[in-house]
Amino acid sequence: MVPFCNTIGTVEQPKFRPLERFWPYADLPEQPTIEELAALDPDLHDALFGARQRPFSITIVFPAMDTPDFPRALDLARHSAELRETGSGSSHRYRARFWTRDASRLRDLFEIVGASHDTEVLIDDRPVPYARELWLPLLYFLIYQ
């Protein structure tokens, strides 16, 4: 039988003491930034901060396109109620929100970017069935009033 041997005395003690903080979490601000709040999912924003009162909107989400009219599309998007750019590289998208009073600009923008299969139409920030085929033409009736 092997006698019991205590090896605790032979273990080398560490030469430094780690800091009492968790990197990289210590440098984050406690409150979210305005950009982070704007990027929140609408349902999550409503759950955290309560429902926001804003008018009905249609948002066009579209990628960068290699067409001669794309600079005009960006100009129309800049004149929308809100324009955000998200993602990078091949997932870079432009999100242009339009109120009902801007129906003609919305139509002009969609005529340029609607040919892309990556273009999405969101009704009050949510994907809705038949948004391209039903909701957009219904909004176009406001142009001719």
N, C-alpha and C. Protein backbone atom coordinates (compact mmCIF):
# COMPACT_ATOMS: atom_id res chain seq x y z
N MET A 1 0.83 -1.16 0.00
CA MET A 1 0.00 0.00 0.00
C MET A 1 0.89 1.24 0.00
N VAL A 2 0.49 2.23 -0.81
CA VAL A 2 1.25 3.48 -0.92
C VAL A 2 0.83 4.40 0.20
N PRO A 3 1.78 4.99 0.90
CA PRO A 3 1.40 5.91 1.98
C PRO A 3 0.81 7.19 1.41
N PHE A 4 -0.06 7.80 2.19
CA PHE A 4 -0.71 9.05 1.79
C PHE A 4 0.34 10.14 1.68
N CYS A 5 0.30 10.86 0.58
CA CYS A 5 1.28 11.92 0.35
C CYS A 5 0.55 13.23 0.13
N ASN A 6 0.87 14.24 0.85
CA ASN A 6 0.24 15.56 0.72
C ASN A 6 1.05 16.39 -0.27
N THR A 7 0.42 16.78 -1.40
CA THR A 7 1.14 17.55 -2.42
C THR A 7 0.72 19.01 -2.45
N ILE A 8 -0.06 19.44 -1.49
CA ILE A 8 -0.54 20.82 -1.50
C ILE A 8 0.61 21.79 -1.38
N GLY A 9 1.58 21.49 -0.61
CA GLY A 9 2.71 22.39 -0.44
C GLY A 9 3.55 22.54 -1.69
N THR A 10 3.47 21.60 -2.61
CA THR A 10 4.29 21.67 -3.81
C THR A 10 3.62 22.41 -4.96
N VAL A 11 2.32 22.75 -4.83
CA VAL A 11 1.62 23.48 -5.89
C VAL A 11 2.09 24.93 -5.88
N GLU A 12 2.43 25.42 -7.05
CA GLU A 12 2.94 26.78 -7.16
C GLU A 12 1.79 27.79 -7.07
N GLN A 13 1.94 28.81 -6.30
CA GLN A 13 0.94 29.85 -6.14
C GLN A 13 0.95 30.77 -7.37
N PRO A 14 -0.22 31.30 -7.76
CA PRO A 14 -0.23 32.21 -8.92
C PRO A 14 0.55 33.48 -8.63
N LYS A 15 1.16 34.04 -9.68
CA LYS A 15 1.99 35.22 -9.52
C LYS A 15 1.20 36.52 -9.64
N PHE A 16 -0.06 36.46 -10.09
CA PHE A 16 -0.88 37.66 -10.19
C PHE A 16 -2.28 37.34 -9.73
N ARG A 17 -2.99 38.37 -9.40
CA ARG A 17 -4.37 38.20 -8.96
C ARG A 17 -5.28 38.80 -10.04
N PRO A 18 -6.26 38.05 -10.56
CA PRO A 18 -7.13 38.59 -11.60
C PRO A 18 -8.00 39.72 -11.04
N LEU A 19 -8.39 40.62 -11.94
CA LEU A 19 -9.25 41.73 -11.55
C LEU A 19 -10.63 41.22 -11.17
N GLU A 20 -11.30 41.96 -10.32
CA GLU A 20 -12.62 41.55 -9.86
C GLU A 20 -13.72 42.13 -10.74
N ARG A 21 -13.58 42.03 -12.03
CA ARG A 21 -14.61 42.46 -12.97
C ARG A 21 -14.65 41.48 -14.12
N PHE A 22 -15.74 41.50 -14.80
CA PHE A 22 -15.92 40.58 -15.92
C PHE A 22 -15.75 41.36 -17.21
N TRP A 23 -14.69 41.09 -17.92
CA TRP A 23 -14.44 41.74 -19.19
C TRP A 23 -15.22 41.01 -20.26
N PRO A 24 -15.81 41.56 -21.26
CA PRO A 24 -15.89 42.98 -21.65
C PRO A 24 -17.16 43.64 -21.16
N TYR A 25 -17.87 43.00 -20.25
CA TYR A 25 -19.18 43.48 -19.85
C TYR A 25 -19.13 44.71 -18.96
N ALA A 26 -18.02 44.98 -18.33
CA ALA A 26 -17.95 46.09 -17.39
C ALA A 26 -18.02 47.44 -18.08
N ASP A 27 -17.66 47.53 -19.35
CA ASP A 27 -17.63 48.82 -20.03
C ASP A 27 -18.92 49.16 -20.76
N LEU A 28 -19.92 48.29 -20.71
CA LEU A 28 -21.17 48.58 -21.39
C LEU A 28 -21.99 49.58 -20.61
N PRO A 29 -22.68 50.50 -21.30
CA PRO A 29 -23.54 51.44 -20.57
C PRO A 29 -24.76 50.72 -20.00
N GLU A 30 -25.27 51.28 -18.93
CA GLU A 30 -26.42 50.65 -18.29
C GLU A 30 -27.72 50.89 -19.07
N GLN A 31 -27.80 51.99 -19.78
CA GLN A 31 -28.99 52.32 -20.55
C GLN A 31 -28.72 52.07 -22.03
N PRO A 32 -29.70 51.58 -22.78
CA PRO A 32 -29.49 51.36 -24.22
C PRO A 32 -29.37 52.69 -24.96
N THR A 33 -28.63 52.68 -26.05
CA THR A 33 -28.47 53.88 -26.86
C THR A 33 -29.72 54.09 -27.72
N ILE A 34 -29.83 55.24 -28.34
CA ILE A 34 -30.96 55.55 -29.20
C ILE A 34 -30.99 54.61 -30.40
N GLU A 35 -29.81 54.27 -30.94
CA GLU A 35 -29.74 53.35 -32.07
C GLU A 35 -30.21 51.95 -31.68
N GLU A 36 -29.85 51.51 -30.47
CA GLU A 36 -30.29 50.20 -30.01
C GLU A 36 -31.80 50.17 -29.80
N LEU A 37 -32.36 51.25 -29.27
CA LEU A 37 -33.82 51.31 -29.08
C LEU A 37 -34.55 51.33 -30.41
N ALA A 38 -33.98 52.01 -31.40
CA ALA A 38 -34.62 52.08 -32.72
C ALA A 38 -34.58 50.72 -33.41
N ALA A 39 -33.57 49.91 -33.10
CA ALA A 39 -33.44 48.61 -33.76
C ALA A 39 -34.25 47.51 -33.08
N LEU A 40 -34.90 47.82 -31.97
CA LEU A 40 -35.69 46.79 -31.27
C LEU A 40 -36.87 46.33 -32.10
N ASP A 41 -37.19 45.08 -31.97
CA ASP A 41 -38.40 44.54 -32.57
C ASP A 41 -39.60 45.28 -31.99
N PRO A 42 -40.60 45.64 -32.81
CA PRO A 42 -41.73 46.42 -32.30
C PRO A 42 -42.46 45.75 -31.14
N ASP A 43 -42.61 44.43 -31.18
CA ASP A 43 -43.29 43.74 -30.09
C ASP A 43 -42.48 43.82 -28.79
N LEU A 44 -41.16 43.68 -28.90
CA LEU A 44 -40.32 43.79 -27.71
C LEU A 44 -40.34 45.21 -27.16
N HIS A 45 -40.31 46.21 -28.04
CA HIS A 45 -40.37 47.60 -27.59
C HIS A 45 -41.68 47.86 -26.84
N ASP A 46 -42.78 47.36 -27.38
CA ASP A 46 -44.08 47.55 -26.71
C ASP A 46 -44.12 46.85 -25.37
N ALA A 47 -43.51 45.67 -25.27
CA ALA A 47 -43.50 44.94 -24.01
C ALA A 47 -42.64 45.64 -22.96
N LEU A 48 -41.53 46.23 -23.38
CA LEU A 48 -40.64 46.89 -22.44
C LEU A 48 -41.10 48.28 -22.03
N PHE A 49 -41.58 49.05 -22.98
CA PHE A 49 -41.85 50.46 -22.73
C PHE A 49 -43.31 50.86 -22.91
N GLY A 50 -44.17 49.93 -23.26
CA GLY A 50 -45.57 50.26 -23.51
C GLY A 50 -45.79 50.58 -24.98
N ALA A 51 -47.03 50.57 -25.37
CA ALA A 51 -47.37 50.80 -26.78
C ALA A 51 -47.10 52.25 -27.17
N ARG A 52 -46.53 52.42 -28.36
CA ARG A 52 -46.28 53.77 -28.89
C ARG A 52 -47.47 54.19 -29.74
N GLN A 53 -47.80 55.44 -29.66
CA GLN A 53 -48.87 55.99 -30.49
C GLN A 53 -48.22 56.65 -31.71
N ARG A 54 -48.41 56.03 -32.85
CA ARG A 54 -47.93 56.62 -34.09
C ARG A 54 -48.89 56.23 -35.19
N PRO A 55 -48.91 56.99 -36.27
CA PRO A 55 -49.86 56.70 -37.34
C PRO A 55 -49.50 55.43 -38.11
N PHE A 56 -50.46 54.99 -38.90
CA PHE A 56 -50.28 53.82 -39.76
C PHE A 56 -49.10 54.06 -40.69
N SER A 57 -48.27 53.04 -40.87
CA SER A 57 -47.09 53.19 -41.73
C SER A 57 -46.87 51.95 -42.56
N ILE A 58 -46.22 52.16 -43.69
CA ILE A 58 -45.75 51.07 -44.54
C ILE A 58 -44.25 51.26 -44.70
N THR A 59 -43.50 50.19 -44.47
CA THR A 59 -42.05 50.24 -44.55
C THR A 59 -41.58 49.37 -45.70
N ILE A 60 -40.69 49.92 -46.50
CA ILE A 60 -40.07 49.18 -47.60
C ILE A 60 -38.64 48.86 -47.17
N VAL A 61 -38.31 47.58 -47.14
CA VAL A 61 -36.96 47.12 -46.79
C VAL A 61 -36.34 46.57 -48.07
N PHE A 62 -35.23 47.17 -48.50
CA PHE A 62 -34.66 46.77 -49.78
C PHE A 62 -33.14 46.76 -49.73
N PRO A 63 -32.51 45.90 -50.54
CA PRO A 63 -31.04 45.84 -50.60
C PRO A 63 -30.50 46.87 -51.60
N ALA A 64 -29.21 47.03 -51.59
CA ALA A 64 -28.56 47.84 -52.62
C ALA A 64 -28.70 47.11 -53.95
N MET A 65 -29.01 47.87 -54.99
CA MET A 65 -29.25 47.27 -56.31
C MET A 65 -28.34 47.91 -57.34
N ASP A 66 -28.00 47.15 -58.35
CA ASP A 66 -27.14 47.65 -59.42
C ASP A 66 -28.02 48.05 -60.60
N THR A 67 -28.77 49.13 -60.42
CA THR A 67 -29.63 49.66 -61.48
C THR A 67 -29.35 51.16 -61.62
N PRO A 68 -29.61 51.72 -62.78
CA PRO A 68 -29.35 53.15 -62.95
C PRO A 68 -30.26 54.04 -62.10
N ASP A 69 -31.43 53.55 -61.69
CA ASP A 69 -32.35 54.36 -60.89
C ASP A 69 -32.11 54.24 -59.39
N PHE A 70 -31.12 53.46 -58.96
CA PHE A 70 -30.93 53.26 -57.53
C PHE A 70 -30.58 54.54 -56.78
N PRO A 71 -29.77 55.47 -57.31
CA PRO A 71 -29.55 56.73 -56.59
C PRO A 71 -30.86 57.51 -56.37
N ARG A 72 -31.77 57.45 -57.33
CA ARG A 72 -33.08 58.10 -57.15
C ARG A 72 -33.87 57.39 -56.06
N ALA A 73 -33.76 56.06 -55.98
CA ALA A 73 -34.45 55.31 -54.93
C ALA A 73 -33.92 55.72 -53.56
N LEU A 74 -32.61 55.89 -53.43
CA LEU A 74 -32.05 56.33 -52.16
C LEU A 74 -32.51 57.74 -51.81
N ASP A 75 -32.62 58.60 -52.82
CA ASP A 75 -33.11 59.95 -52.57
C ASP A 75 -34.56 59.93 -52.09
N LEU A 76 -35.39 59.10 -52.70
CA LEU A 76 -36.78 58.97 -52.25
C LEU A 76 -36.84 58.40 -50.83
N ALA A 77 -35.97 57.45 -50.53
CA ALA A 77 -35.94 56.86 -49.19
C ALA A 77 -35.49 57.88 -48.15
N ARG A 78 -34.56 58.76 -48.52
CA ARG A 78 -34.11 59.79 -47.57
C ARG A 78 -35.22 60.78 -47.24
N HIS A 79 -36.18 60.92 -48.13
CA HIS A 79 -37.31 61.83 -47.88
C HIS A 79 -38.49 61.12 -47.21
N SER A 80 -38.29 59.91 -46.78
CA SER A 80 -39.35 59.19 -46.07
C SER A 80 -39.41 59.68 -44.63
N ALA A 81 -40.39 59.21 -43.89
CA ALA A 81 -40.53 59.62 -42.49
C ALA A 81 -39.34 59.13 -41.66
N GLU A 82 -38.78 57.99 -42.00
CA GLU A 82 -37.65 57.44 -41.26
C GLU A 82 -36.86 56.53 -42.18
N LEU A 83 -35.55 56.67 -42.19
CA LEU A 83 -34.68 55.81 -42.99
C LEU A 83 -33.61 55.25 -42.07
N ARG A 84 -33.47 53.93 -42.08
CA ARG A 84 -32.43 53.25 -41.30
C ARG A 84 -31.67 52.30 -42.21
N GLU A 85 -30.39 52.15 -41.96
CA GLU A 85 -29.58 51.17 -42.67
C GLU A 85 -29.19 50.10 -41.67
N THR A 86 -29.37 48.84 -42.04
CA THR A 86 -29.03 47.73 -41.15
C THR A 86 -28.16 46.74 -41.89
N GLY A 87 -27.40 45.95 -41.15
CA GLY A 87 -26.60 44.89 -41.73
C GLY A 87 -25.36 45.42 -42.43
N SER A 88 -24.60 44.48 -42.97
CA SER A 88 -23.39 44.83 -43.71
C SER A 88 -23.14 43.77 -44.77
N GLY A 89 -22.39 44.14 -45.77
CA GLY A 89 -22.08 43.20 -46.86
C GLY A 89 -23.32 42.83 -47.64
N SER A 90 -23.51 41.53 -47.84
CA SER A 90 -24.66 41.08 -48.63
C SER A 90 -25.97 41.19 -47.86
N SER A 91 -25.92 41.39 -46.55
CA SER A 91 -27.15 41.54 -45.78
C SER A 91 -27.46 43.00 -45.47
N HIS A 92 -26.79 43.93 -46.14
CA HIS A 92 -27.06 45.37 -45.95
C HIS A 92 -28.43 45.71 -46.51
N ARG A 93 -29.27 46.37 -45.71
CA ARG A 93 -30.63 46.72 -46.12
C ARG A 93 -30.93 48.16 -45.74
N TYR A 94 -31.79 48.77 -46.53
CA TYR A 94 -32.34 50.10 -46.25
C TYR A 94 -33.79 49.91 -45.81
N ARG A 95 -34.18 50.58 -44.73
CA ARG A 95 -35.57 50.51 -44.23
C ARG A 95 -36.15 51.91 -44.30
N ALA A 96 -37.10 52.12 -45.21
CA ALA A 96 -37.73 53.42 -45.37
C ALA A 96 -39.19 53.32 -44.94
N ARG A 97 -39.55 54.10 -43.91
CA ARG A 97 -40.93 54.11 -43.39
C ARG A 97 -41.68 55.29 -44.00
N PHE A 98 -42.89 55.02 -44.45
CA PHE A 98 -43.73 56.05 -45.05
C PHE A 98 -45.06 56.12 -44.32
N TRP A 99 -45.53 57.33 -44.09
CA TRP A 99 -46.89 57.55 -43.57
C TRP A 99 -47.84 57.59 -44.76
N THR A 100 -49.12 57.59 -44.53
CA THR A 100 -50.10 57.58 -45.62
C THR A 100 -50.04 58.86 -46.45
N ARG A 101 -49.64 59.95 -45.87
CA ARG A 101 -49.56 61.21 -46.64
C ARG A 101 -48.44 61.18 -47.68
N ASP A 102 -47.52 60.21 -47.58
CA ASP A 102 -46.41 60.09 -48.52
C ASP A 102 -46.61 58.95 -49.51
N ALA A 103 -47.85 58.68 -49.85
CA ALA A 103 -48.16 57.53 -50.71
C ALA A 103 -47.51 57.64 -52.09
N SER A 104 -47.41 58.83 -52.64
CA SER A 104 -46.82 58.96 -53.98
C SER A 104 -45.33 58.66 -53.96
N ARG A 105 -44.61 59.10 -52.92
CA ARG A 105 -43.19 58.77 -52.81
C ARG A 105 -42.99 57.27 -52.58
N LEU A 106 -43.86 56.68 -51.79
CA LEU A 106 -43.80 55.24 -51.56
C LEU A 106 -43.97 54.48 -52.87
N ARG A 107 -44.95 54.89 -53.67
CA ARG A 107 -45.18 54.24 -54.96
C ARG A 107 -43.96 54.39 -55.87
N ASP A 108 -43.38 55.60 -55.92
CA ASP A 108 -42.21 55.82 -56.77
C ASP A 108 -41.02 54.97 -56.33
N LEU A 109 -40.82 54.85 -55.02
CA LEU A 109 -39.74 54.02 -54.51
C LEU A 109 -39.98 52.55 -54.83
N PHE A 110 -41.20 52.08 -54.62
CA PHE A 110 -41.48 50.67 -54.86
C PHE A 110 -41.38 50.32 -56.34
N GLU A 111 -41.68 51.26 -57.23
CA GLU A 111 -41.52 50.99 -58.66
C GLU A 111 -40.06 50.72 -59.02
N ILE A 112 -39.13 51.30 -58.26
CA ILE A 112 -37.70 51.09 -58.54
C ILE A 112 -37.20 49.82 -57.87
N VAL A 113 -37.50 49.63 -56.57
CA VAL A 113 -36.90 48.52 -55.82
C VAL A 113 -37.80 47.29 -55.74
N GLY A 114 -39.04 47.39 -56.18
CA GLY A 114 -39.98 46.27 -56.06
C GLY A 114 -39.65 45.10 -56.95
N ALA A 115 -38.82 45.29 -57.97
CA ALA A 115 -38.47 44.19 -58.86
C ALA A 115 -37.57 43.16 -58.17
N SER A 116 -36.88 43.57 -57.12
CA SER A 116 -36.00 42.65 -56.40
C SER A 116 -36.82 41.72 -55.50
N HIS A 117 -36.46 40.45 -55.51
CA HIS A 117 -37.15 39.48 -54.65
C HIS A 117 -36.76 39.65 -53.18
N ASP A 118 -35.68 40.40 -52.92
CA ASP A 118 -35.24 40.65 -51.55
C ASP A 118 -35.95 41.85 -50.92
N THR A 119 -36.76 42.56 -51.68
CA THR A 119 -37.49 43.70 -51.15
C THR A 119 -38.69 43.21 -50.35
N GLU A 120 -38.83 43.75 -49.14
CA GLU A 120 -39.95 43.38 -48.26
C GLU A 120 -40.85 44.59 -48.05
N VAL A 121 -42.13 44.33 -47.85
CA VAL A 121 -43.10 45.36 -47.51
C VAL A 121 -43.64 45.01 -46.13
N LEU A 122 -43.48 45.93 -45.19
CA LEU A 122 -43.94 45.72 -43.83
C LEU A 122 -45.08 46.69 -43.53
N ILE A 123 -46.14 46.19 -42.93
CA ILE A 123 -47.28 47.01 -42.53
C ILE A 123 -47.16 47.22 -41.03
N ASP A 124 -46.99 48.46 -40.60
CA ASP A 124 -46.74 48.77 -39.18
C ASP A 124 -45.61 47.91 -38.62
N ASP A 125 -44.53 47.80 -39.36
CA ASP A 125 -43.31 47.07 -38.98
C ASP A 125 -43.47 45.56 -38.89
N ARG A 126 -44.52 45.03 -39.47
CA ARG A 126 -44.73 43.58 -39.41
C ARG A 126 -44.96 43.04 -40.83
N PRO A 127 -44.40 41.86 -41.12
CA PRO A 127 -44.71 41.25 -42.41
C PRO A 127 -46.15 40.75 -42.41
N VAL A 128 -46.89 41.12 -43.42
CA VAL A 128 -48.31 40.79 -43.53
C VAL A 128 -48.52 40.07 -44.86
N PRO A 129 -49.36 39.03 -44.88
CA PRO A 129 -49.62 38.36 -46.16
C PRO A 129 -50.21 39.35 -47.18
N TYR A 130 -49.81 39.20 -48.40
CA TYR A 130 -50.30 40.01 -49.53
C TYR A 130 -50.00 41.49 -49.38
N ALA A 131 -48.92 41.83 -48.72
CA ALA A 131 -48.58 43.25 -48.55
C ALA A 131 -48.30 43.90 -49.90
N ARG A 132 -47.59 43.20 -50.78
CA ARG A 132 -47.30 43.76 -52.11
C ARG A 132 -48.55 43.82 -52.99
N GLU A 133 -49.33 42.76 -52.93
CA GLU A 133 -50.43 42.62 -53.87
C GLU A 133 -51.70 43.34 -53.42
N LEU A 134 -51.89 43.54 -52.13
CA LEU A 134 -53.14 44.11 -51.63
C LEU A 134 -52.94 45.45 -50.94
N TRP A 135 -52.04 45.51 -49.96
CA TRP A 135 -51.89 46.71 -49.15
C TRP A 135 -51.34 47.89 -49.94
N LEU A 136 -50.32 47.65 -50.76
CA LEU A 136 -49.78 48.77 -51.54
C LEU A 136 -50.80 49.36 -52.51
N PRO A 137 -51.51 48.54 -53.30
CA PRO A 137 -52.53 49.15 -54.17
C PRO A 137 -53.63 49.88 -53.41
N LEU A 138 -53.99 49.39 -52.22
CA LEU A 138 -54.99 50.12 -51.42
C LEU A 138 -54.46 51.48 -50.99
N LEU A 139 -53.18 51.55 -50.66
CA LEU A 139 -52.59 52.83 -50.27
C LEU A 139 -52.52 53.77 -51.47
N TYR A 140 -52.34 53.22 -52.66
CA TYR A 140 -52.25 54.07 -53.86
C TYR A 140 -53.56 54.82 -54.13
N PHE A 141 -54.68 54.34 -53.61
CA PHE A 141 -55.95 55.07 -53.76
C PHE A 141 -55.87 56.44 -53.09
N LEU A 142 -55.02 56.60 -52.10
CA LEU A 142 -54.88 57.88 -51.42
C LEU A 142 -54.23 58.92 -52.31
N ILE A 143 -53.51 58.49 -53.33
CA ILE A 143 -52.83 59.43 -54.22
C ILE A 143 -53.83 60.21 -55.05
N TYR A 144 -54.89 59.55 -55.46
CA TYR A 144 -55.83 60.17 -56.39
C TYR A 144 -56.99 60.87 -55.71
N GLN A 145 -56.95 61.05 -54.41
CA GLN A 145 -58.04 61.75 -53.71
C GLN A 145 -57.88 63.24 -53.79
